Amino acid sequence: MKTALQQAFARLEELHPSLFDIHTEKGRTFVNEFSKFLKVEREQIIEFANNFAESDAIYCSGECAIIKDAEQYYNETFKSE
């Protein structure tokens, strides 16, 4: 599963691959400027998950999941493909 922001960047890369070419000044500038938003999103998701105690549950796709390690939750749930 990808986050909405990851999906947006994947689609943007399909439509405008030159923006992601780190061998050009334009590409490096774009990647450096906008990668910080992916980091912010990651931090927000981890912070959200950390706000749940072990006894609390999050319901996804009708299944109950208990979050014990927020960073692990993020890494396993929102892998970049």
Protein backbone atom coordinates (compact mmCIF):
# COMPACT_ATOMS: atom_id res chain seq x y z
CA MET A 1 0.00 0.00 0.00
CA LYS A 2 1.20 3.51 -0.73
CA THR A 3 0.15 6.71 0.96
CA ALA A 4 -1.72 9.26 -1.12
CA LEU A 5 1.42 11.39 -1.36
CA GLN A 6 3.51 8.42 -2.49
CA GLN A 7 0.89 7.67 -5.14
CA ALA A 8 0.92 11.29 -6.30
CA PHE A 9 4.70 11.29 -6.66
CA ALA A 10 4.66 7.94 -8.48
CA ARG A 11 2.13 9.32 -10.96
CA LEU A 12 4.07 12.55 -11.32
CA GLU A 13 7.20 10.54 -12.08
CA GLU A 14 5.31 8.67 -14.82
CA LEU A 15 4.07 11.92 -16.37
CA HIS A 16 7.25 14.01 -15.91
CA PRO A 17 10.28 11.73 -15.48
CA SER A 18 12.72 14.60 -16.00
CA LEU A 19 11.66 16.03 -12.63
CA PHE A 20 13.14 12.97 -10.94
CA ASP A 21 16.41 12.85 -12.92
CA ILE A 22 18.96 13.54 -10.19
CA HIS A 23 21.69 13.85 -12.83
CA THR A 24 20.31 17.28 -13.75
CA GLU A 25 20.11 20.46 -11.69
CA LYS A 26 16.35 20.61 -12.27
CA GLY A 27 15.90 17.04 -11.02
CA ARG A 28 18.11 17.47 -7.95
CA THR A 29 16.31 20.67 -7.01
CA PHE A 30 12.89 19.07 -7.40
CA VAL A 31 13.76 15.91 -5.44
CA ASN A 32 15.48 17.86 -2.64
CA GLU A 33 12.65 20.37 -2.36
CA PHE A 34 9.74 17.94 -2.38
CA SER A 35 11.19 14.87 -0.64
CA LYS A 36 10.77 16.76 2.64
CA PHE A 37 6.98 16.42 2.26
CA LEU A 38 7.32 12.62 2.19
CA LYS A 39 9.36 12.85 5.41
CA VAL A 40 6.72 15.05 7.03
CA GLU A 41 3.97 12.63 6.01
CA ARG A 42 5.99 9.71 7.41
CA GLU A 43 6.49 11.53 10.72
CA GLN A 44 2.77 12.36 10.93
CA ILE A 45 1.74 8.75 10.34
CA ILE A 46 4.22 7.50 12.95
CA GLU A 47 3.07 10.14 15.44
CA PHE A 48 -0.54 9.13 14.83
CA ALA A 49 0.29 5.48 15.40
CA ASN A 50 2.25 6.31 18.56
CA ASN A 51 -0.85 7.93 20.03
CA PHE A 52 -2.49 4.52 20.30
CA ALA A 53 -1.78 2.42 23.37
CA GLU A 54 -1.23 -1.30 22.88
CA SER A 55 -4.80 -1.91 23.97
CA ASP A 56 -6.18 0.46 21.32
CA ALA A 57 -6.92 -0.81 17.85
CA ILE A 58 -7.02 0.59 14.36
CA TYR A 59 -9.49 -0.92 11.92
CA CYS A 60 -8.29 -1.32 8.37
CA SER A 61 -10.21 -3.26 5.74
CA GLY A 62 -12.44 -4.73 8.43
CA GLU A 63 -9.51 -6.20 10.37
CA CYS A 64 -8.26 -5.08 13.73
CA ALA A 65 -4.59 -4.19 14.10
CA ILE A 66 -2.80 -3.31 17.30
CA ILE A 67 0.16 -1.01 16.82
CA LYS A 68 3.07 -1.80 19.12
CA ASP A 69 5.86 -0.23 17.08
CA ALA A 70 4.76 2.79 15.06
CA GLU A 71 7.83 2.93 12.85
CA GLN A 72 7.53 -0.76 12.04
CA TYR A 73 3.84 -0.19 11.27
CA TYR A 74 4.77 2.56 8.81
CA ASN A 75 7.56 0.56 7.16
CA GLU A 76 5.38 -2.52 6.73
CA THR A 77 2.21 -0.70 5.66
CA PHE A 78 3.56 2.00 3.36
CA LYS A 79 6.47 0.32 1.59
CA SER A 80 7.75 2.10 -1.46
CA GLU A 81 7.45 -0.31 -4.35
